Protein backbone atom coordinates (compact mmCIF):
# COMPACT_ATOMS: atom_id res chain seq x y z
CA MET A 1 109.53 77.62 68.20
CA GLY A 2 106.34 77.95 66.21
CA VAL A 3 103.71 75.76 64.67
CA VAL A 4 104.82 73.06 62.29
CA LEU A 5 102.15 71.65 59.99
CA ARG A 6 103.50 68.27 59.08
CA ALA A 7 102.33 66.23 56.20
CA PRO A 8 103.59 62.98 57.72
CA PRO A 9 106.21 60.91 55.90
CA SER A 10 105.12 59.45 52.59
CA THR A 11 105.79 56.00 54.02
CA PRO A 12 106.20 54.69 57.56
CA PHE A 13 109.68 53.59 56.50
CA GLN A 14 110.92 57.16 56.09
CA HIS A 15 113.04 57.16 59.21
CA TRP A 16 114.40 53.65 58.85
CA ALA A 17 114.49 52.81 55.15
CA LYS A 18 117.72 52.05 53.35
CA PRO A 19 119.16 54.96 51.32
CA PRO A 20 117.96 55.25 47.73
CA GLY A 21 119.79 52.98 45.34
CA PRO A 22 119.36 50.06 43.00
CA PRO A 23 116.72 47.48 43.94
CA THR A 24 117.85 45.06 46.60
CA ASP A 25 118.12 41.50 45.43
CA SER A 26 116.23 39.03 47.59
CA ALA A 27 119.49 37.29 48.41
CA GLU A 28 120.43 40.31 50.49
CA LEU A 29 117.48 39.81 52.78
CA SER A 30 117.68 37.83 55.99
CA ARG A 31 117.46 34.10 56.08
CA PRO A 32 114.09 32.57 55.12
CA CYS A 33 111.81 32.27 58.11
CA SER A 34 108.68 30.87 56.55
CA THR A 35 107.02 27.51 56.44
CA GLN A 36 106.62 26.49 52.80
CA VAL A 37 103.34 24.89 51.86
CA GLY A 38 103.24 22.83 48.69
CA MET A 39 105.68 24.83 46.57
CA ALA A 40 108.94 26.72 46.74
CA ALA A 41 107.55 30.11 47.74
CA THR A 42 109.37 31.54 50.77
CA LEU A 43 108.26 34.39 53.02
CA ILE A 44 111.24 36.40 54.25
CA LEU A 45 111.27 38.82 57.18
CA GLU A 46 113.99 41.23 58.22
CA PRO A 47 114.59 41.22 61.14
CA ALA A 48 113.84 37.51 61.12
CA ASP A 49 111.52 35.93 63.67
CA ARG A 50 111.22 38.78 66.20
CA CYS A 51 111.87 42.46 66.79
CA CYS A 52 110.57 45.33 68.91
CA TRP A 53 107.06 46.63 68.27
CA ASP A 54 108.21 50.09 67.17
CA GLU A 55 110.74 48.61 64.74
CA PRO A 56 109.67 48.13 61.12
CA VAL A 57 109.93 44.71 59.56
CA ARG A 58 110.81 44.22 55.91
CA ILE A 59 108.56 41.70 54.17
CA ALA A 60 109.48 39.91 50.96
CA VAL A 61 108.44 36.76 49.10
CA ARG A 62 110.52 34.81 46.63
CA GLY A 63 110.02 31.61 44.67
CA LEU A 64 106.78 32.80 43.04
CA ALA A 65 105.95 32.51 39.37
CA PRO A 66 106.70 35.59 37.25
CA GLU A 67 103.92 38.18 37.64
CA GLN A 68 102.05 35.84 39.97
CA ARG A 69 99.14 37.36 41.82
CA VAL A 70 99.16 36.72 45.56
CA THR A 71 97.34 37.90 48.67
CA LEU A 72 99.24 38.59 51.88
CA ARG A 73 97.39 38.31 55.17
CA THR A 74 98.31 39.19 58.76
CA SER A 75 96.55 38.33 61.98
CA LEU A 76 97.15 38.50 65.72
CA HIS A 77 95.25 37.79 68.91
CA ASP A 78 95.50 40.21 71.83
CA GLU A 79 95.73 39.03 75.43
CA LYS A 80 91.96 38.79 75.71
CA GLY A 81 91.72 36.65 72.58
CA ALA A 82 90.36 39.37 70.28
CA LEU A 83 91.35 38.74 66.66
CA PHE A 84 92.78 41.45 64.40
CA ARG A 85 93.31 40.96 60.65
CA ALA A 86 94.57 42.74 57.54
CA HIS A 87 95.18 41.70 53.94
CA ALA A 88 96.53 43.17 50.72
CA ARG A 89 96.78 42.04 47.09
CA TYR A 90 100.12 42.08 45.25
CA ARG A 91 101.73 41.01 41.98
CA ALA A 92 105.21 39.47 41.87
CA ASP A 93 107.82 40.95 39.54
CA ALA A 94 109.23 39.29 36.42
CA ARG A 95 111.62 37.23 38.55
CA GLY A 96 108.83 35.88 40.74
CA GLU A 97 109.85 38.06 43.67
CA LEU A 98 107.89 40.46 45.82
CA ASP A 99 109.36 43.13 48.12
CA LEU A 100 106.86 45.31 50.00
CA GLU A 101 109.39 48.14 50.05
CA ARG A 102 109.01 48.40 46.26
CA ALA A 103 105.69 46.76 45.40
CA PRO A 104 102.46 48.68 45.98
CA SER A 105 99.35 47.00 47.29
CA LEU A 106 96.73 46.65 44.57
CA GLY A 107 93.90 46.75 47.11
CA GLY A 108 92.54 45.12 50.22
CA SER A 109 92.90 46.69 53.67
CA PHE A 110 94.99 49.45 52.06
CA ALA A 111 96.40 50.40 48.67
CA GLY A 112 99.67 51.85 47.45
CA LEU A 113 103.24 51.55 48.67
CA GLU A 114 102.88 50.81 52.38
CA PRO A 115 105.68 48.55 53.64
CA MET A 116 104.13 48.33 57.12
CA GLY A 117 100.50 48.47 56.02
CA LEU A 118 99.88 44.87 57.05
CA LEU A 119 100.40 45.99 60.66
CA TRP A 120 98.84 49.43 60.89
CA ALA A 121 95.81 48.28 58.87
CA LEU A 122 94.93 45.45 61.28
CA LYS A 123 91.24 45.63 62.14
CA PRO A 124 89.34 43.87 64.91
CA GLU A 125 87.06 40.99 64.01
CA LYS A 126 84.54 42.49 66.43
CA ALA A 127 83.74 46.19 66.12
CA LEU A 128 84.99 48.79 68.61
CA VAL A 129 87.85 46.72 69.97
CA ARG A 130 91.09 48.69 70.13
CA LEU A 131 94.48 47.01 69.95
CA VAL A 132 96.57 47.85 73.02
CA LYS A 133 99.26 45.95 74.91
CA ARG A 134 98.41 45.13 78.49
CA ASP A 135 101.30 42.88 79.52
CA VAL A 136 104.52 44.23 78.02
CA ARG A 137 106.52 41.24 79.26
CA THR A 138 105.16 39.12 76.41
CA PRO A 139 105.27 39.85 72.66
CA PHE A 140 102.46 40.09 70.18
CA ALA A 141 102.75 37.22 67.69
CA VAL A 142 101.84 38.41 64.19
CA GLU A 143 101.01 35.61 61.74
CA LEU A 144 101.77 36.29 58.07
CA GLU A 145 100.44 34.18 55.20
CA VAL A 146 100.90 34.23 51.44
CA LEU A 147 98.02 32.84 49.36
CA ASP A 148 97.75 32.25 45.66
CA GLY A 149 95.49 34.65 43.77
CA HIS A 150 93.36 37.62 44.72
CA ASP A 151 90.02 38.25 46.36
CA PRO A 152 87.23 37.45 46.57
CA GLU A 153 88.58 33.90 46.95
CA PRO A 154 92.36 33.67 47.32
CA GLY A 155 93.70 30.23 46.50
CA ARG A 156 95.81 27.79 48.41
CA LEU A 157 98.28 28.76 51.11
CA LEU A 158 101.78 29.08 49.68
CA CYS A 159 103.82 29.86 52.77
CA ARG A 160 103.57 31.46 56.20
CA ALA A 161 105.75 33.01 58.89
CA GLN A 162 105.45 34.47 62.36
CA ASN A 163 106.87 37.78 63.58
CA LYS A 164 107.07 38.13 67.36
CA ARG A 165 107.00 41.80 68.28
CA ASP A 166 108.40 42.61 71.71
CA PHE A 167 107.71 45.57 73.97
CA LEU A 168 110.84 45.07 76.04
CA GLN A 169 114.07 45.32 74.09
CA PRO A 170 116.80 42.94 75.27
CA GLY A 171 118.23 44.27 78.51
CA VAL A 172 115.36 46.63 79.37
CA ARG A 173 114.36 46.15 83.00
CA ARG A 174 110.84 46.46 84.38
CA GLU A 175 110.50 47.26 88.09
CA PRO A 176 107.07 47.49 89.77
CA VAL A 177 106.91 50.61 91.94
CA ARG A 178 105.00 50.67 95.22
CA ALA A 179 106.73 53.60 96.92
CA GLY A 180 104.58 55.49 99.41
CA ARG A 181 101.40 56.30 97.53
CA VAL A 182 102.97 55.91 94.09
CA ARG A 183 101.75 53.01 91.96
CA ALA A 184 103.73 52.62 88.77
CA ALA A 185 106.15 50.58 86.69
CA LEU A 186 109.69 51.82 86.08
CA PHE A 187 111.49 50.84 82.87
CA LEU A 188 115.27 51.13 82.77
CA PRO A 189 117.39 50.84 79.60
CA PRO A 190 120.15 48.26 79.25
CA GLY A 191 123.61 49.27 80.30
CA LYS A 192 124.97 51.48 83.02
CA GLY A 193 123.04 54.57 84.05
CA PRO A 194 122.10 57.12 85.00
CA PHE A 195 119.60 57.74 82.21
CA PRO A 196 117.43 60.76 81.34
CA GLY A 197 114.13 60.31 83.17
CA VAL A 198 110.55 60.67 81.93
CA ILE A 199 107.16 60.24 83.63
CA ASP A 200 104.46 58.88 81.28
CA LEU A 201 100.76 59.62 81.88
CA PHE A 202 97.72 58.35 79.98
CA GLY A 203 94.17 59.69 79.96
CA SER A 204 90.79 59.20 81.58
CA GLY A 205 90.65 55.45 80.93
CA GLY A 206 92.60 54.83 84.12
CA GLY A 207 94.71 51.84 85.06
CA LEU A 208 98.41 51.32 84.41
CA CYS A 209 99.40 51.64 80.72
CA GLU A 210 102.97 50.49 80.15
CA TYR A 211 103.46 49.93 76.42
CA ARG A 212 104.63 53.45 75.57
CA ALA A 213 107.00 53.60 78.54
CA SER A 214 108.47 50.17 77.81
CA LEU A 215 109.17 51.07 74.19
CA LEU A 216 110.66 54.47 75.09
CA ALA A 217 113.02 52.79 77.56
CA GLY A 218 114.44 50.85 74.64
CA HIS A 219 115.68 54.18 73.27
CA GLY A 220 117.72 55.11 76.31
CA PHE A 221 115.25 56.70 78.74
CA ALA A 222 114.31 55.72 82.28
CA VAL A 223 110.52 55.91 82.07
CA LEU A 224 107.98 55.73 84.88
CA ALA A 225 104.56 54.57 83.66
CA LEU A 226 102.39 56.18 86.33
CA ALA A 227 98.88 55.12 87.28
CA TYR A 228 96.69 57.66 89.04
CA PHE A 229 93.30 55.99 89.36
CA ARG A 230 91.53 52.68 88.77
CA PHE A 231 94.57 50.62 89.70
CA GLU A 232 95.17 48.53 92.81
CA ASP A 233 94.48 50.69 95.90
CA LEU A 234 94.28 53.98 93.99
CA PRO A 235 90.89 55.74 93.77
CA GLU A 236 88.43 54.09 91.42
CA ASP A 237 87.24 57.37 89.91
CA LEU A 238 88.62 60.80 89.09
CA ASN A 239 86.78 62.55 91.91
CA ASP A 240 89.67 63.67 94.10
CA VAL A 241 92.88 64.41 92.20
CA ARG A 242 95.74 65.86 94.21
CA LEU A 243 98.95 67.15 92.71
CA GLU A 244 100.87 65.94 95.76
CA TYR A 245 100.58 62.41 94.37
CA PHE A 246 102.32 63.43 91.15
CA GLU A 247 104.87 65.42 93.14
CA GLU A 248 105.70 62.24 95.05
CA ALA A 249 106.21 60.43 91.74
CA ALA A 250 108.49 63.20 90.47
CA ASP A 251 110.53 63.08 93.68
CA PHE A 252 110.83 59.30 93.30
CA MET A 253 112.35 59.75 89.85
CA LEU A 254 114.63 62.64 90.84
CA GLN A 255 116.03 60.63 93.74
CA HIS A 256 116.43 57.35 91.86
CA PRO A 257 120.12 56.42 91.43
CA GLU A 258 119.63 55.39 87.80
CA VAL A 259 117.83 58.59 86.77
CA LYS A 260 120.00 61.40 85.49
CA GLY A 261 119.27 64.66 87.28
CA PRO A 262 118.82 67.39 88.06
CA SER A 263 115.52 67.28 86.16
CA ILE A 264 113.11 64.98 84.35
CA GLY A 265 110.68 65.15 81.45
CA LEU A 266 106.94 64.52 81.21
CA LEU A 267 104.90 62.78 78.51
CA GLY A 268 101.12 63.13 78.76
CA PHE A 269 98.18 62.18 76.57
CA SER A 270 94.62 63.62 76.80
CA LYS A 271 93.72 64.08 80.50
CA GLY A 272 97.26 63.01 81.33
CA GLY A 273 98.39 65.97 79.25
CA ASP A 274 96.76 68.64 81.39
CA LEU A 275 98.08 66.86 84.49
CA CYS A 276 101.57 67.12 82.99
CA LEU A 277 100.99 70.83 82.35
CA SER A 278 100.06 71.28 86.01
CA MET A 279 103.13 69.32 87.12
CA ALA A 280 105.40 71.44 84.92
CA SER A 281 103.76 74.64 86.20
CA PHE A 282 103.81 73.95 89.95
CA LEU A 283 106.51 71.37 90.65
CA LYS A 284 110.30 71.65 90.64
CA GLY A 285 112.67 69.60 88.53
CA ILE A 286 110.62 69.49 85.30
CA THR A 287 112.48 70.77 82.23
CA ALA A 288 110.82 69.15 79.20
CA THR A 289 107.12 68.41 78.65
CA VAL A 290 105.46 66.64 75.72
CA LEU A 291 101.67 66.89 75.35
CA ILE A 292 99.72 64.66 72.97
CA ASN A 293 96.28 66.14 72.23
CA ALA A 294 96.07 67.87 75.60
CA CYS A 295 94.00 70.75 76.98
CA VAL A 296 95.50 73.92 78.49
CA ALA A 297 92.88 73.94 81.24
CA ASN A 298 92.30 71.47 84.03
CA THR A 299 89.61 69.03 82.91
CA VAL A 300 87.19 66.39 84.19
CA THR A 301 87.61 67.09 87.92
CA PRO A 302 89.07 69.81 90.20
CA LEU A 303 92.78 69.57 90.93
CA HIS A 304 93.95 70.12 94.51
CA TYR A 305 97.43 71.19 95.56
CA LYS A 306 98.16 72.25 99.14
CA ASP A 307 95.66 75.05 99.84
CA MET A 308 94.91 75.69 96.14
CA ILE A 309 92.10 74.31 94.01
CA ILE A 310 92.06 74.54 90.20
CA PRO A 311 88.44 74.06 89.10
CA LYS A 312 87.64 71.93 86.08
CA LEU A 313 86.88 73.38 82.68
CA VAL A 314 83.13 73.85 82.37
CA ASP A 315 81.56 71.13 80.28
CA ASP A 316 78.03 70.36 79.15
CA LEU A 317 77.28 66.71 78.47
CA GLY A 318 73.98 67.78 77.00
CA LYS A 319 75.96 68.83 73.94
CA VAL A 320 77.26 65.35 73.20
CA LYS A 321 76.56 64.54 69.56
CA ILE A 322 75.93 61.21 67.89
CA THR A 323 77.53 60.53 64.52
CA LYS A 324 75.75 58.82 61.63
CA SER A 325 77.47 55.60 62.71
CA GLY A 326 76.04 55.89 66.21
CA PHE A 327 79.24 56.97 67.96
CA LEU A 328 79.46 59.73 70.56
CA THR A 329 81.60 62.81 69.96
CA PHE A 330 82.51 65.21 72.77
CA MET A 331 83.93 68.00 70.64
CA ASP A 332 81.19 70.51 71.55
CA THR A 333 80.81 69.59 75.21
CA TRP A 334 83.88 71.55 76.31
CA SER A 335 83.54 75.30 76.80
CA ASN A 336 86.16 77.82 75.69
CA PRO A 337 89.03 78.03 78.21
CA LEU A 338 89.35 81.75 77.43
CA GLU A 339 85.84 82.55 78.66
CA GLU A 340 85.79 84.48 81.92
CA ARG A 341 84.03 81.67 83.78
CA ASN A 342 86.96 79.37 82.94
CA HIS A 343 89.86 81.66 83.83
CA GLN A 344 90.51 79.84 87.09
CA SER A 345 90.69 76.50 85.30
CA LEU A 346 93.50 77.65 82.97
CA ILE A 347 96.82 76.11 83.98
CA PRO A 348 99.54 78.79 84.51
CA LEU A 349 102.03 77.12 82.21
CA GLU A 350 104.04 80.34 82.05
CA LYS A 351 105.41 79.30 85.47
CA ALA A 352 107.09 76.25 83.97
CA GLN A 353 110.88 76.13 83.79
CA GLY A 354 111.29 74.13 80.60
CA PRO A 355 110.10 73.96 76.98
CA PHE A 356 106.94 72.32 75.65
CA LEU A 357 106.19 70.15 72.64
CA PHE A 358 102.53 69.96 71.62
CA ILE A 359 101.61 67.08 69.31
CA VAL A 360 98.25 67.77 67.69
CA GLY A 361 95.91 65.57 65.69
CA MET A 362 93.99 68.02 63.52
CA ASP A 363 91.03 65.65 63.26
CA ASP A 364 90.84 65.09 67.02
CA GLN A 365 87.14 64.60 67.71
CA ASN A 366 87.52 64.52 71.50
CA TRP A 367 88.25 68.23 71.90
CA LYS A 368 89.93 71.13 70.12
CA SER A 369 93.57 70.18 70.58
CA GLU A 370 94.88 72.59 67.93
CA PHE A 371 93.02 75.51 69.54
CA TYR A 372 94.40 74.60 72.96
CA ALA A 373 97.96 74.48 71.64
CA GLN A 374 97.52 77.96 70.13
CA ILE A 375 96.26 79.27 73.49
CA ALA A 376 99.38 77.84 75.14
CA SER A 377 101.62 79.53 72.59
CA GLU A 378 99.95 82.92 72.97
CA ARG A 379 99.98 82.70 76.76
CA LEU A 380 103.68 81.87 76.91
CA GLN A 381 104.57 84.68 74.51
CA ALA A 382 102.47 87.15 76.49
CA HIS A 383 104.61 86.35 79.53
CA GLY A 384 107.89 86.67 77.63
CA LYS A 385 108.49 82.91 77.53
CA GLU A 386 109.72 80.76 74.66
CA ARG A 387 106.98 79.66 72.29
CA PRO A 388 106.23 75.97 72.44
CA GLN A 389 106.98 73.66 69.57
CA ILE A 390 103.66 72.66 68.00
CA ILE A 391 103.48 69.87 65.43
CA CYS A 392 100.10 69.42 63.75
CA TYR A 393 99.23 66.28 61.81
CA PRO A 394 96.42 66.52 59.22
CA GLU A 395 93.75 63.80 59.20
CA THR A 396 94.99 62.47 62.53
CA GLY A 397 92.69 61.69 65.45
CA HIS A 398 92.89 61.75 69.22
CA CYS A 399 94.97 58.66 70.07
CA ILE A 400 98.49 59.06 68.69
CA ASP A 401 100.27 55.91 69.90
CA PRO A 402 103.77 54.66 69.10
CA PRO A 403 104.22 53.39 65.53
CA TYR A 404 102.26 50.53 63.99
CA PHE A 405 99.40 50.39 66.46
CA PRO A 406 96.30 50.27 64.26
CA PRO A 407 94.66 53.70 64.62
CA SER A 408 91.18 53.44 66.09
CA ARG A 409 88.70 56.03 64.83
CA ALA A 410 86.14 54.78 67.33
CA SER A 411 86.46 52.76 70.50
CA VAL A 412 84.52 51.83 73.61
CA HIS A 413 85.69 54.20 76.34
CA ALA A 414 86.81 52.36 79.47
CA VAL A 415 85.09 54.81 81.83
CA LEU A 416 81.83 55.62 80.09
CA GLY A 417 81.23 52.26 78.46
CA GLU A 418 80.10 54.09 75.32
CA ALA A 419 81.37 54.04 71.74
CA ILE A 420 83.45 57.20 71.35
CA PHE A 421 84.47 58.66 67.98
CA TYR A 422 88.12 59.77 68.02
CA GLY A 423 88.59 60.83 64.40
CA GLY A 424 91.49 60.42 62.01
CA GLU A 425 92.07 58.61 58.72
CA PRO A 426 94.03 55.36 59.19
CA LYS A 427 96.79 55.91 56.63
CA ALA A 428 97.55 59.51 57.67
CA HIS A 429 97.23 58.58 61.33
CA SER A 430 99.72 55.72 61.02
CA LYS A 431 102.30 57.96 59.37
CA ALA A 432 101.81 60.58 62.08
CA GLN A 433 102.53 57.94 64.72
CA VAL A 434 105.91 57.17 63.13
CA ASP A 435 106.91 60.81 62.88
CA ALA A 436 105.61 61.79 66.33
CA TRP A 437 107.53 58.94 67.94
CA GLN A 438 110.75 60.32 66.47
CA GLN A 439 109.85 63.88 67.46
CA ILE A 440 109.28 62.84 71.07
CA GLN A 441 112.68 61.14 71.29
CA THR A 442 114.46 64.07 69.65
CA PHE A 443 112.81 66.58 72.01
CA PHE A 444 113.72 64.63 75.14
CA ARG A 445 117.27 63.95 73.98
CA LYS A 446 117.80 67.64 73.32
CA HIS A 447 116.34 68.96 76.56
CA LEU A 448 117.22 66.19 79.02
CA ASN A 449 120.79 65.33 78.05
CA GLY A 450 121.76 67.65 75.23
CA LYS A 451 121.83 65.00 72.50
CA LYS A 452 119.86 65.73 69.36
CA CYS A 453 120.33 62.50 67.47
CA VAL A 454 117.93 59.56 67.54
CA LYS A 455 119.15 55.98 67.30
CA HIS A 456 117.63 54.54 64.17
CA SER A 457 117.02 50.98 63.18
CA LYS A 458 119.73 49.32 61.10
CA ILE A 459 117.20 48.57 58.34
């Protein structure tokens, strides 16, 4: 398969929205779930009260005056107490009703028809704080408020509601893994297995990141969120990376009674992406690999496997640039993997047994993800292998998370302690997250158990 240049869906609701038809009357929405303050306005959510993080929520208000101007606000606190907020200005229709599926925002944190804008547009109260989920066993509680009037001074509070957004769907099981050297968390879907298995790897921030694995398990996959440094008794730094550790993790999954064999898939982001490429190239039992903004060469530190050493891609930190906003960008620090001095660092992905999906943010300011995906395609074709599927998203930066995580153009890097510029425009980035999440599921369903369909929300 070739390169697909995707203009992401025109709205994050593309994959879940109701079919086109006459406007939905507010009576068709779920039961009211708001607290009314001083008048009959009611904030309605569907699903009511709580849902999974990657599930859209329909937001509507009724009981307003005809054509009334109102401001909707959202806020949430992460586990460390950091506050994130968003707001948008709206006008009710002639019946005094407001449905964010049909009513465009007139300004605020975003403008236009964005039914989930009040989530993806959340911004931290303090700069350079990125919204992530650390403990997936608890939900994020999103507070929604409706206020009379528009900025700069919205009026009194009309009504409010809370939407609890879970990372574990009902029935999903989380099992800590301390098997041999492997440090991980295994997420198993509800019901009777075995299930198609996936190993999930994050980048050079280290630690154990579980939110993507927990959400993916809700769609029918057994997912191992694998730590490989800066967690418990694992090495603190990326100085000595050995592929045997990842081989042990793959064997754990292949031998697990609730994992459907005879093979598993890999999902890797950034540094985790080139590790997944190495796993697919050298280890057995890997038949589907998804790379999110990954390099085709081994990066950051040499990779050891048995008596082999893959050197790291040559980099030059002296070429780090500082943006006008004072952020660091590493785009020019990485040398060309095709240069002769880097030939040994190139990962021999032509040895892999299964297909690849490259997800590329075309405004990735960390490194040249689109260029790396093209190198992978040309290398596979030169060896008579199937071309990888490459999906490129315009105006999308480095960190392509599951849907509705506010895209962070800049963040403090956990390793360097510096403000790093990742690129991407928020609206385009948020739409890419929705589409990429569906593409990942479709790819794994096709190549791990032969099913092409994706279970959609009932909305």
